[in-house]
PDB file of all heavy atoms in Angstrom:
ATOM      1  N   THR A   1      75.495  82.025 112.348  1.00  0.00           N
ATOM      2  CA  THR A   1      74.268  82.676 111.928  1.00  0.00           C
ATOM      3  C   THR A   1      74.571  83.724 110.871  1.00  0.00           C
ATOM      4  O   THR A   1      75.663  84.280 110.831  1.00  0.00           O
ATOM      5  CB  THR A   1      73.562  83.357 113.117  1.00  0.00           C
ATOM      6  OG1 THR A   1      74.434  84.339 113.657  1.00  0.00           O
ATOM      7  CG2 THR A   1      73.186  82.352 114.186  1.00  0.00           C
ATOM      8  N   PHE A   2      73.583  83.962 110.039  1.00  0.00           N
ATOM      9  CA  PHE A   2      73.713  84.971 108.993  1.00  0.00           C
ATOM     10  C   PHE A   2      72.524  85.905 109.073  1.00  0.00           C
ATOM     11  O   PHE A   2      71.385  85.459 109.136  1.00  0.00           O
ATOM     12  CB  PHE A   2      73.735  84.329 107.591  1.00  0.00           C
ATOM     13  CG  PHE A   2      74.967  83.526 107.324  1.00  0.00           C
ATOM     14  CD1 PHE A   2      74.989  82.164 107.559  1.00  0.00           C
ATOM     15  CD2 PHE A   2      76.107  84.131 106.851  1.00  0.00           C
ATOM     16  CE1 PHE A   2      76.126  81.425 107.326  1.00  0.00           C
ATOM     17  CE2 PHE A   2      77.255  83.398 106.611  1.00  0.00           C
ATOM     18  CZ  PHE A   2      77.259  82.042 106.851  1.00  0.00           C
ATOM     19  N   GLU A   3      72.784  87.185 109.087  1.00  0.00           N
ATOM     20  CA  GLU A   3      71.730  88.182 109.034  1.00  0.00           C
ATOM     21  C   GLU A   3      71.301  88.330 107.573  1.00  0.00           C
ATOM     22  O   GLU A   3      72.129  88.201 106.668  1.00  0.00           O
ATOM     23  CB  GLU A   3      72.231  89.522 109.572  1.00  0.00           C
ATOM     24  CG  GLU A   3      72.632  89.475 111.033  1.00  0.00           C
ATOM     25  CD  GLU A   3      71.493  89.129 111.953  1.00  0.00           C
ATOM     26  OE1 GLU A   3      70.352  89.591 111.706  1.00  0.00           O
ATOM     27  OE2 GLU A   3      71.724  88.388 112.926  1.00  0.00           O
ATOM     28  N   PRO A   4      70.017  88.612 107.328  1.00  0.00           N
ATOM     29  CA  PRO A   4      69.552  88.725 105.933  1.00  0.00           C
ATOM     30  C   PRO A   4      70.365  89.692 105.095  1.00  0.00           C
ATOM     31  O   PRO A   4      70.677  89.411 103.944  1.00  0.00           O
ATOM     32  CB  PRO A   4      68.105  89.210 106.086  1.00  0.00           C
ATOM     33  CG  PRO A   4      67.696  88.709 107.423  1.00  0.00           C
ATOM     34  CD  PRO A   4      68.943  88.756 108.283  1.00  0.00           C
ATOM     35  N   GLU A   5      70.756  90.831 105.669  1.00  0.00           N
ATOM     36  CA  GLU A   5      71.528  91.803 104.880  1.00  0.00           C
ATOM     37  C   GLU A   5      72.918  91.289 104.550  1.00  0.00           C
ATOM     38  O   GLU A   5      73.522  91.699 103.563  1.00  0.00           O
ATOM     39  CB  GLU A   5      71.617  93.161 105.596  1.00  0.00           C
ATOM     40  CG  GLU A   5      72.314  93.139 106.935  1.00  0.00           C
ATOM     41  CD  GLU A   5      71.418  92.803 108.116  1.00  0.00           C
ATOM     42  OE1 GLU A   5      70.261  92.407 107.914  1.00  0.00           O
ATOM     43  OE2 GLU A   5      71.885  92.920 109.246  1.00  0.00           O
ATOM     44  N   GLU A   6      73.446  90.361 105.331  1.00  0.00           N
ATOM     45  CA  GLU A   6      74.765  89.799 105.064  1.00  0.00           C
ATOM     46  C   GLU A   6      74.746  88.846 103.877  1.00  0.00           C
ATOM     47  O   GLU A   6      75.750  88.663 103.201  1.00  0.00           O
ATOM     48  CB  GLU A   6      75.285  89.051 106.294  1.00  0.00           C
ATOM     49  CG  GLU A   6      75.548  89.931 107.490  1.00  0.00           C
ATOM     50  CD  GLU A   6      76.638  90.941 107.253  1.00  0.00           C
ATOM     51  OE1 GLU A   6      77.710  90.547 106.765  1.00  0.00           O
ATOM     52  OE2 GLU A   6      76.411  92.117 107.539  1.00  0.00           O
ATOM     53  N   LEU A   7      73.622  88.201 103.648  1.00  0.00           N
ATOM     54  CA  LEU A   7      73.550  87.235 102.557  1.00  0.00           C
ATOM     55  C   LEU A   7      73.705  87.894 101.198  1.00  0.00           C
ATOM     56  O   LEU A   7      74.080  87.244 100.234  1.00  0.00           O
ATOM     57  CB  LEU A   7      72.228  86.454 102.620  1.00  0.00           C
ATOM     58  CG  LEU A   7      72.091  85.544 103.840  1.00  0.00           C
ATOM     59  CD1 LEU A   7      70.698  84.942 103.884  1.00  0.00           C
ATOM     60  CD2 LEU A   7      73.141  84.459 103.840  1.00  0.00           C
ATOM     61  N   GLY A   8      73.458  89.196 101.111  1.00  0.00           N
ATOM     62  CA  GLY A   8      73.572  89.895  99.847  1.00  0.00           C
ATOM     63  C   GLY A   8      74.968  90.426  99.556  1.00  0.00           C
ATOM     64  O   GLY A   8      75.192  91.032  98.523  1.00  0.00           O
ATOM     65  N   LYS A   9      75.920  90.218 100.469  1.00  0.00           N
ATOM     66  CA  LYS A   9      77.273  90.724 100.237  1.00  0.00           C
ATOM     67  C   LYS A   9      77.892  90.077  99.013  1.00  0.00           C
ATOM     68  O   LYS A   9      77.655  88.923  98.711  1.00  0.00           O
ATOM     69  CB  LYS A   9      78.163  90.465 101.448  1.00  0.00           C
ATOM     70  CG  LYS A   9      77.950  91.436 102.559  1.00  0.00           C
ATOM     71  CD  LYS A   9      79.072  91.362 103.535  1.00  0.00           C
ATOM     72  CE  LYS A   9      78.965  92.504 104.507  1.00  0.00           C
ATOM     73  NZ  LYS A   9      80.050  92.502 105.453  1.00  0.00           N
ATOM     74  N   SER A  10      78.699  90.826  98.350  1.00  0.00           N
ATOM     75  CA  SER A  10      79.335  90.310  97.145  1.00  0.00           C
ATOM     76  C   SER A  10      80.426  89.310  97.488  1.00  0.00           C
ATOM     77  O   SER A  10      80.969  89.297  98.595  1.00  0.00           O
ATOM     78  CB  SER A  10      79.925  91.454  96.330  1.00  0.00           C
ATOM     79  OG  SER A  10      81.095  91.931  96.956  1.00  0.00           O
ATOM     80  N   ARG A  11      80.742  88.492  96.516  1.00  0.00           N
ATOM     81  CA  ARG A  11      81.825  87.517  96.683  1.00  0.00           C
ATOM     82  C   ARG A  11      83.140  88.213  96.974  1.00  0.00           C
ATOM     83  O   ARG A  11      83.956  87.726  97.752  1.00  0.00           O
ATOM     84  CB  ARG A  11      81.967  86.656  95.433  1.00  0.00           C
ATOM     85  CG  ARG A  11      80.849  85.654  95.272  1.00  0.00           C
ATOM     86  CD  ARG A  11      81.074  84.811  94.058  1.00  0.00           C
ATOM     87  NE  ARG A  11      80.806  85.630  92.877  1.00  0.00           N
ATOM     88  CZ  ARG A  11      80.690  85.151  91.656  1.00  0.00           C
ATOM     89  NH1 ARG A  11      80.848  83.873  91.432  1.00  0.00           N
ATOM     90  NH2 ARG A  11      80.431  85.940  90.643  1.00  0.00           N
ATOM     91  N   GLN A  12      83.344  89.377  96.360  1.00  0.00           N
ATOM     92  CA  GLN A  12      84.589  90.105  96.569  1.00  0.00           C
ATOM     93  C   GLN A  12      84.710  90.578  98.015  1.00  0.00           C
ATOM     94  O   GLN A  12      85.792  90.504  98.605  1.00  0.00           O
ATOM     95  CB  GLN A  12      84.695  91.304  95.608  1.00  0.00           C
ATOM     96  CG  GLN A  12      84.928  90.918  94.172  1.00  0.00           C
ATOM     97  CD  GLN A  12      83.662  90.449  93.456  1.00  0.00           C
ATOM     98  OE1 GLN A  12      82.543  90.680  93.903  1.00  0.00           O
ATOM     99  NE2 GLN A  12      83.846  89.763  92.337  1.00  0.00           N
ATOM    100  N   GLU A  13      83.610  91.076  98.582  1.00  0.00           N
ATOM    101  CA  GLU A  13      83.636  91.527  99.973  1.00  0.00           C
ATOM    102  C   GLU A  13      83.908  90.361 100.921  1.00  0.00           C
ATOM    103  O   GLU A  13      84.711  90.493 101.857  1.00  0.00           O
ATOM    104  CB  GLU A  13      82.318  92.197 100.346  1.00  0.00           C
ATOM    105  CG  GLU A  13      82.106  93.539  99.700  1.00  0.00           C
ATOM    106  CD  GLU A  13      80.721  94.078  99.947  1.00  0.00           C
ATOM    107  OE1 GLU A  13      79.732  93.330  99.850  1.00  0.00           O
ATOM    108  OE2 GLU A  13      80.638  95.280 100.265  1.00  0.00           O
ATOM    109  N   LEU A  14      83.258  89.255 100.687  1.00  0.00           N
ATOM    110  CA  LEU A  14      83.464  88.071 101.513  1.00  0.00           C
ATOM    111  C   LEU A  14      84.902  87.582 101.385  1.00  0.00           C
ATOM    112  O   LEU A  14      85.563  87.307 102.385  1.00  0.00           O
ATOM    113  CB  LEU A  14      82.494  86.959 101.118  1.00  0.00           C
ATOM    114  CG  LEU A  14      82.660  85.637 101.860  1.00  0.00           C
ATOM    115  CD1 LEU A  14      82.451  85.812 103.361  1.00  0.00           C
ATOM    116  CD2 LEU A  14      81.691  84.605 101.299  1.00  0.00           C
ATOM    117  N   GLY A  15      85.392  87.508 100.168  1.00  0.00           N
ATOM    118  CA  GLY A  15      86.765  87.066  99.939  1.00  0.00           C
ATOM    119  C   GLY A  15      87.769  87.969 100.603  1.00  0.00           C
ATOM    120  O   GLY A  15      88.734  87.506 101.218  1.00  0.00           O
ATOM    121  N   SER A  16      87.539  89.263 100.517  1.00  0.00           N
ATOM    122  CA  SER A  16      88.430  90.234 101.140  1.00  0.00           C
ATOM    123  C   SER A  16      88.446  90.063 102.654  1.00  0.00           C
ATOM    124  O   SER A  16      89.506  90.102 103.290  1.00  0.00           O
ATOM    125  CB  SER A  16      87.984  91.644 100.766  1.00  0.00           C
ATOM    126  OG  SER A  16      88.804  92.598 101.371  1.00  0.00           O
ATOM    127  N   MET A  17      87.274  89.856 103.248  1.00  0.00           N
ATOM    128  CA  MET A  17      87.197  89.651 104.687  1.00  0.00           C
ATOM    129  C   MET A  17      87.951  88.378 105.094  1.00  0.00           C
ATOM    130  O   MET A  17      88.713  88.387 106.061  1.00  0.00           O
ATOM    131  CB  MET A  17      85.747  89.535 105.143  1.00  0.00           C
ATOM    132  CG  MET A  17      85.622  89.331 106.652  1.00  0.00           C
ATOM    133  SD  MET A  17      84.010  88.736 107.184  1.00  0.00           S
ATOM    134  CE  MET A  17      84.066  87.056 106.604  1.00  0.00           C
ATOM    135  N   LEU A  18      87.786  87.310 104.331  1.00  0.00           N
ATOM    136  CA  LEU A  18      88.477  86.059 104.642  1.00  0.00           C
ATOM    137  C   LEU A  18      89.989  86.214 104.493  1.00  0.00           C
ATOM    138  O   LEU A  18      90.761  85.692 105.297  1.00  0.00           O
ATOM    139  CB  LEU A  18      87.955  84.929 103.758  1.00  0.00           C
ATOM    140  CG  LEU A  18      86.522  84.472 104.068  1.00  0.00           C
ATOM    141  CD1 LEU A  18      86.002  83.543 102.977  1.00  0.00           C
ATOM    142  CD2 LEU A  18      86.447  83.805 105.429  1.00  0.00           C
ATOM    143  N   ARG A  19      90.432  86.941 103.467  1.00  0.00           N
ATOM    144  CA  ARG A  19      91.860  87.184 103.275  1.00  0.00           C
ATOM    145  C   ARG A  19      92.433  87.965 104.464  1.00  0.00           C
ATOM    146  O   ARG A  19      93.508  87.637 104.976  1.00  0.00           O
ATOM    147  CB  ARG A  19      92.121  87.947 101.977  1.00  0.00           C
ATOM    148  CG  ARG A  19      93.605  88.158 101.698  1.00  0.00           C
ATOM    149  CD  ARG A  19      93.901  88.945 100.431  1.00  0.00           C
ATOM    150  NE  ARG A  19      93.180  88.468  99.267  1.00  0.00           N
ATOM    151  CZ  ARG A  19      92.117  89.081  98.729  1.00  0.00           C
ATOM    152  NH1 ARG A  19      91.666  90.214  99.222  1.00  0.00           N
ATOM    153  NH2 ARG A  19      91.518  88.578  97.667  1.00  0.00           N
ATOM    154  N   GLU A  20      91.710  88.995 104.907  1.00  0.00           N
ATOM    155  CA  GLU A  20      92.163  89.780 106.054  1.00  0.00           C
ATOM    156  C   GLU A  20      92.266  88.907 107.300  1.00  0.00           C
ATOM    157  O   GLU A  20      93.232  89.023 108.067  1.00  0.00           O
ATOM    158  CB  GLU A  20      91.208  90.949 106.306  1.00  0.00           C
ATOM    159  CG  GLU A  20      91.302  92.043 105.261  1.00  0.00           C
ATOM    160  CD  GLU A  20      90.240  93.113 105.448  1.00  0.00           C
ATOM    161  OE1 GLU A  20      89.741  93.283 106.581  1.00  0.00           O
ATOM    162  OE2 GLU A  20      89.907  93.774 104.452  1.00  0.00           O
ATOM    163  N   LEU A  21      91.289  88.034 107.514  1.00  0.00           N
ATOM    164  CA  LEU A  21      91.334  87.133 108.670  1.00  0.00           C
ATOM    165  C   LEU A  21      92.526  86.181 108.574  1.00  0.00           C
ATOM    166  O   LEU A  21      93.198  85.910 109.571  1.00  0.00           O
ATOM    167  CB  LEU A  21      90.035  86.323 108.775  1.00  0.00           C
ATOM    168  CG  LEU A  21      88.793  87.091 109.222  1.00  0.00           C
ATOM    169  CD1 LEU A  21      87.555  86.215 109.065  1.00  0.00           C
ATOM    170  CD2 LEU A  21      88.945  87.551 110.665  1.00  0.00           C
ATOM    171  N   ARG A  22      92.779  85.693 107.365  1.00  0.00           N
ATOM    172  CA  ARG A  22      93.906  84.768 107.166  1.00  0.00           C
ATOM    173  C   ARG A  22      95.223  85.471 107.476  1.00  0.00           C
ATOM    174  O   ARG A  22      96.070  84.940 108.200  1.00  0.00           O
ATOM    175  CB  ARG A  22      93.918  84.232 105.732  1.00  0.00           C
ATOM    176  CG  ARG A  22      95.143  83.353 105.435  1.00  0.00           C
ATOM    177  CD  ARG A  22      95.150  82.820 104.036  1.00  0.00           C
ATOM    178  NE  ARG A  22      95.130  83.814 102.990  1.00  0.00           N
ATOM    179  CZ  ARG A  22      96.184  84.552 102.612  1.00  0.00           C
ATOM    180  NH1 ARG A  22      97.344  84.426 103.215  1.00  0.00           N
ATOM    181  NH2 ARG A  22      96.073  85.407 101.615  1.00  0.00           N
ATOM    182  N   LYS A  23      95.378  86.673 106.946  1.00  0.00           N
ATOM    183  CA  LYS A  23      96.620  87.417 107.190  1.00  0.00           C
ATOM    184  C   LYS A  23      96.773  87.763 108.666  1.00  0.00           C
ATOM    185  O   LYS A  23      97.874  87.682 109.213  1.00  0.00           O
ATOM    186  CB  LYS A  23      96.660  88.677 106.326  1.00  0.00           C
ATOM    187  CG  LYS A  23      96.891  88.357 104.859  1.00  0.00           C
ATOM    188  CD  LYS A  23      96.967  89.609 104.027  1.00  0.00           C
ATOM    189  CE  LYS A  23      97.252  89.266 102.578  1.00  0.00           C
ATOM    190  NZ  LYS A  23      97.390  90.478 101.762  1.00  0.00           N
ATOM    191  N   ALA A  24      95.672  88.133 109.316  1.00  0.00           N
ATOM    192  CA  ALA A  24      95.725  88.448 110.743  1.00  0.00           C
ATOM    193  C   ALA A  24      96.106  87.220 111.564  1.00  0.00           C
ATOM    194  O   ALA A  24      96.749  87.348 112.612  1.00  0.00           O
ATOM    195  CB  ALA A  24      94.382  88.998 111.210  1.00  0.00           C
ATOM    196  N   ALA A  25      95.727  86.043 111.074  1.00  0.00           N
ATOM    197  CA  ALA A  25      96.082  84.793 111.755  1.00  0.00           C
ATOM    198  C   ALA A  25      97.510  84.369 111.448  1.00  0.00           C
ATOM    199  O   ALA A  25      98.014  83.403 112.024  1.00  0.00           O
ATOM    200  CB  ALA A  25      95.106  83.687 111.350  1.00  0.00           C
ATOM    201  N   GLY A  26      98.163  85.071 110.517  1.00  0.00           N
ATOM    202  CA  GLY A  26      99.539  84.752 110.165  1.00  0.00           C
ATOM    203  C   GLY A  26      99.682  83.484 109.342  1.00  0.00           C
ATOM    204  O   GLY A  26     100.709  82.819 109.408  1.00  0.00           O
ATOM    205  N   LEU A  27      98.658  83.178 108.559  1.00  0.00           N
ATOM    206  CA  LEU A  27      98.675  81.960 107.749  1.00  0.00           C
ATOM    207  C   LEU A  27      98.853  82.276 106.272  1.00  0.00           C
ATOM    208  O   LEU A  27      98.327  83.279 105.775  1.00  0.00           O
ATOM    209  CB  LEU A  27      97.360  81.187 107.907  1.00  0.00           C
ATOM    210  CG  LEU A  27      97.051  80.606 109.283  1.00  0.00           C
ATOM    211  CD1 LEU A  27      95.648  80.046 109.305  1.00  0.00           C
ATOM    212  CD2 LEU A  27      98.062  79.535 109.644  1.00  0.00           C
ATOM    213  N   SER A  28      99.551  81.406 105.594  1.00  0.00           N
ATOM    214  CA  SER A  28      99.628  81.500 104.136  1.00  0.00           C
ATOM    215  C   SER A  28      98.379  80.825 103.564  1.00  0.00           C
ATOM    216  O   SER A  28      97.673  80.089 104.271  1.00  0.00           O
ATOM    217  CB  SER A  28     100.870  80.767 103.627  1.00  0.00           C
ATOM    218  OG  SER A  28     100.739  79.370 103.859  1.00  0.00           O
ATOM    219  N   GLY A  29      98.128  81.070 102.291  1.00  0.00           N
ATOM    220  CA  GLY A  29      97.013  80.391 101.628  1.00  0.00           C
ATOM    221  C   GLY A  29      97.190  78.885 101.640  1.00  0.00           C
ATOM    222  O   GLY A  29      96.228  78.139 101.820  1.00  0.00           O
ATOM    223  N   ASP A  30      98.436  78.438 101.484  1.00  0.00           N
ATOM    224  CA  ASP A  30      98.727  76.996 101.514  1.00  0.00           C
ATOM    225  C   ASP A  30      98.382  76.396 102.868  1.00  0.00           C
ATOM    226  O   ASP A  30      97.771  75.331 102.953  1.00  0.00           O
ATOM    227  CB  ASP A  30     100.207  76.723 101.218  1.00  0.00           C
ATOM    228  CG  ASP A  30     100.576  76.962  99.770  1.00  0.00           C
ATOM    229  OD1 ASP A  30      99.707  76.767  98.900  1.00  0.00           O
ATOM    230  OD2 ASP A  30     101.730  77.341  99.517  1.00  0.00           O
ATOM    231  N   ARG A  31      98.813  77.066 103.931  1.00  0.00           N
ATOM    232  CA  ARG A  31      98.588  76.543 105.284  1.00  0.00           C
ATOM    233  C   ARG A  31      97.102  76.518 105.618  1.00  0.00           C
ATOM    234  O   ARG A  31      96.608  75.573 106.220  1.00  0.00           O
ATOM    235  CB  ARG A  31      99.357  77.393 106.302  1.00  0.00           C
ATOM    236  CG  ARG A  31      99.403  76.796 107.645  1.00  0.00           C
ATOM    237  CD  ARG A  31     100.300  75.546 107.642  1.00  0.00           C
ATOM    238  NE  ARG A  31      99.982  74.779 108.835  1.00  0.00           N
ATOM    239  CZ  ARG A  31      99.762  73.478 108.861  1.00  0.00           C
ATOM    240  NH1 ARG A  31      99.884  72.756 107.779  1.00  0.00           N
ATOM    241  NH2 ARG A  31      99.463  72.884 109.969  1.00  0.00           N
ATOM    242  N   LEU A  32      96.371  77.559 105.221  1.00  0.00           N
ATOM    243  CA  LEU A  32      94.928  77.584 105.459  1.00  0.00           C
ATOM    244  C   LEU A  32      94.251  76.457 104.698  1.00  0.00           C
ATOM    245  O   LEU A  32      93.366  75.786 105.230  1.00  0.00           O
ATOM    246  CB  LEU A  32      94.336  78.937 105.051  1.00  0.00           C
ATOM    247  CG  LEU A  32      92.822  79.077 105.204  1.00  0.00           C
ATOM    248  CD1 LEU A  32      92.380  78.828 106.637  1.00  0.00           C
ATOM    249  CD2 LEU A  32      92.376  80.447 104.724  1.00  0.00           C
ATOM    250  N   ALA A  33      94.669  76.235 103.468  1.00  0.00           N
ATOM    251  CA  ALA A  33      94.090  75.159 102.658  1.00  0.00           C
ATOM    252  C   ALA A  33      94.271  73.805 103.338  1.00  0.00           C
ATOM    253  O   ALA A  33      93.337  72.994 103.376  1.00  0.00           O
ATOM    254  CB  ALA A  33      94.720  75.150 101.269  1.00  0.00           C
ATOM    255  N   VAL A  34      95.446  73.561 103.891  1.00  0.00           N
ATOM    256  CA  VAL A  34      95.698  72.297 104.591  1.00  0.00           C
ATOM    257  C   VAL A  34      94.754  72.170 105.781  1.00  0.00           C
ATOM    258  O   VAL A  34      94.155  71.114 105.999  1.00  0.00           O
ATOM    259  CB  VAL A  34      97.178  72.201 105.043  1.00  0.00           C
ATOM    260  CG1 VAL A  34      97.399  71.048 105.998  1.00  0.00           C
ATOM    261  CG2 VAL A  34      98.087  72.064 103.832  1.00  0.00           C
ATOM    262  N   ARG A  35      94.604  73.243 106.536  1.00  0.00           N
ATOM    263  CA  ARG A  35      93.725  73.219 107.711  1.00  0.00           C
ATOM    264  C   ARG A  35      92.269  72.944 107.335  1.00  0.00           C
ATOM    265  O   ARG A  35      91.526  72.382 108.121  1.00  0.00           O
ATOM    266  CB  ARG A  35      93.791  74.540 108.464  1.00  0.00           C
ATOM    267  CG  ARG A  35      95.040  74.735 109.263  1.00  0.00           C
ATOM    268  CD  ARG A  35      94.900  75.979 110.101  1.00  0.00           C
ATOM    269  NE  ARG A  35      96.048  76.170 110.964  1.00  0.00           N
ATOM    270  CZ  ARG A  35      96.071  77.047 111.948  1.00  0.00           C
ATOM    271  NH1 ARG A  35      95.031  77.818 112.193  1.00  0.00           N
ATOM    272  NH2 ARG A  35      97.152  77.171 112.692  1.00  0.00           N
ATOM    273  N   CYS A  36      91.878  73.390 106.140  1.00  0.00           N
ATOM    274  CA  CYS A  36      90.487  73.237 105.693  1.00  0.00           C
ATOM    275  C   CYS A  36      90.263  71.994 104.844  1.00  0.00           C
ATOM    276  O   CYS A  36      89.135  71.741 104.439  1.00  0.00           O
ATOM    277  CB  CYS A  36      90.074  74.438 104.852  1.00  0.00           C
ATOM    278  SG  CYS A  36      90.051  75.970 105.725  1.00  0.00           S
ATOM    279  N   THR A  37      91.314  71.299 104.550  1.00  0.00           N
ATOM    280  CA  THR A  37      91.277  70.166 103.603  1.00  0.00           C
ATOM    281  C   THR A  37      90.638  70.574 102.277  1.00  0.00           C
ATOM    282  O   THR A  37      89.761  69.903 101.756  1.00  0.00           O
ATOM    283  CB  THR A  37      90.591  68.909 104.192  1.00  0.00           C
ATOM    284  OG1 THR A  37      89.229  69.190 104.488  1.00  0.00           O
ATOM    285  CG2 THR A  37      91.320  68.392 105.413  1.00  0.00           C
ATOM    286  N   MET A  38      91.095  71.709 101.766  1.00  0.00           N
ATOM    287  CA  MET A  38      90.702  72.125 100.422  1.00  0.00           C
ATOM    288  C   MET A  38      91.970  72.563  99.700  1.00  0.00           C
ATOM    289  O   MET A  38      93.008  72.753 100.324  1.00  0.00           O
ATOM    290  CB  MET A  38      89.611  73.211 100.440  1.00  0.00           C
ATOM    291  CG  MET A  38      89.990  74.557 100.960  1.00  0.00           C
ATOM    292  SD  MET A  38      88.663  75.829 100.842  1.00  0.00           S
ATOM    293  CE  MET A  38      87.403  75.227 101.910  1.00  0.00           C
ATOM    294  N   SER A  39      91.876  72.691  98.412  1.00  0.00           N
ATOM    295  CA  SER A  39      93.069  73.056  97.654  1.00  0.00           C
ATOM    296  C   SER A  39      93.414  74.533  97.866  1.00  0.00           C
ATOM    297  O   SER A  39      92.536  75.354  98.143  1.00  0.00           O
ATOM    298  CB  SER A  39      92.855  72.794  96.160  1.00  0.00           C
ATOM    299  OG  SER A  39      91.903  73.694  95.635  1.00  0.00           O
ATOM    300  N   GLN A  40      94.696  74.836  97.698  1.00  0.00           N
ATOM    301  CA  GLN A  40      95.140  76.217  97.823  1.00  0.00           C
ATOM    302  C   GLN A  40      94.493  77.065  96.740  1.00  0.00           C
ATOM    303  O   GLN A  40      94.146  78.215  96.965  1.00  0.00           O
ATOM    304  CB  GLN A  40      96.666  76.296  97.751  1.00  0.00           C
ATOM    305  CG  GLN A  40      97.237  77.688  97.958  1.00  0.00           C
ATOM    306  CD  GLN A  40      97.200  78.544  96.700  1.00  0.00           C
ATOM    307  OE1 GLN A  40      97.327  78.051  95.589  1.00  0.00           O
ATOM    308  NE2 GLN A  40      97.006  79.831  96.889  1.00  0.00           N
ATOM    309  N   SER A  41      94.314  76.481  95.560  1.00  0.00           N
ATOM    310  CA  SER A  41      93.705  77.252  94.471  1.00  0.00           C
ATOM    311  C   SER A  41      92.251  77.609  94.781  1.00  0.00           C
ATOM    312  O   SER A  41      91.790  78.693  94.425  1.00  0.00           O
ATOM    313  CB  SER A  41      93.815  76.501  93.140  1.00  0.00           C
ATOM    314  OG  SER A  41      93.142  75.273  93.199  1.00  0.00           O
ATOM    315  N   LYS A  42      91.541  76.732  95.492  1.00  0.00           N
ATOM    316  CA  LYS A  42      90.155  77.046  95.867  1.00  0.00           C
ATOM    317  C   LYS A  42      90.139  78.181  96.891  1.00  0.00           C
ATOM    318  O   LYS A  42      89.324  79.098  96.778  1.00  0.00           O
ATOM    319  CB  LYS A  42      89.449  75.819  96.435  1.00  0.00           C
ATOM    320  CG  LYS A  42      88.001  76.085  96.776  1.00  0.00           C
ATOM    321  CD  LYS A  42      87.277  74.816  97.166  1.00  0.00           C
ATOM    322  CE  LYS A  42      85.808  75.109  97.422  1.00  0.00           C
ATOM    323  NZ  LYS A  42      85.074  73.875  97.742  1.00  0.00           N
ATOM    324  N   VAL A  43      91.035  78.128  97.873  1.00  0.00           N
ATOM    325  CA  VAL A  43      91.138  79.221  98.850  1.00  0.00           C
ATOM    326  C   VAL A  43      91.405  80.529  98.116  1.00  0.00           C
ATOM    327  O   VAL A  43      90.759  81.543  98.377  1.00  0.00           O
ATOM    328  CB  VAL A  43      92.242  78.931  99.902  1.00  0.00           C
ATOM    329  CG1 VAL A  43      92.503  80.157 100.764  1.00  0.00           C
ATOM    330  CG2 VAL A  43      91.859  77.740 100.773  1.00  0.00           C
ATOM    331  N   SER A  44      92.334  80.512  97.169  1.00  0.00           N
ATOM    332  CA  SER A  44      92.669  81.699  96.400  1.00  0.00           C
ATOM    333  C   SER A  44      91.467  82.206  95.600  1.00  0.00           C
ATOM    334  O   SER A  44      91.190  83.410  95.586  1.00  0.00           O
ATOM    335  CB  SER A  44      93.833  81.400  95.457  1.00  0.00           C
ATOM    336  OG  SER A  44      94.132  82.527  94.673  1.00  0.00           O
TER     337      SER A  44
END
């Protein structure tokens, strides 16, 4: 679910949150990309 105020967050804020989650999970960008079936460059 998304709250209306969350939809207005900037791409940078969202990206930063995702990066923090990835690091907390102990994953590299490459490993996350494999798990998501997307390219590492797209994750980046």
